[in-house]
């Protein structure tokens, strides 16, 4: 007798990058700052989606102390 065992479809891997941003430099010199807090929150959310195939990339993408006004002003 053969048994028909249905294979579960594989969950696709979703690679997640975390981008953190703060428009001023104020407080960025602290041991734990808003960029760290943003990253921790995003990592926790990504971990909560592990069963959906989500995984966090190890690279960090942090912009601290840059505002759109500052970067736009330099273009003119």
Foldseek 3Di string as FASTA:
>chain_A
DDDDDDDDDDQEADEDEDEEEDQAQPPVPDPQGPSNVSVVVVQVVQVVCVVNRYDYDPDHHYYYNHDPVVVVVVVD
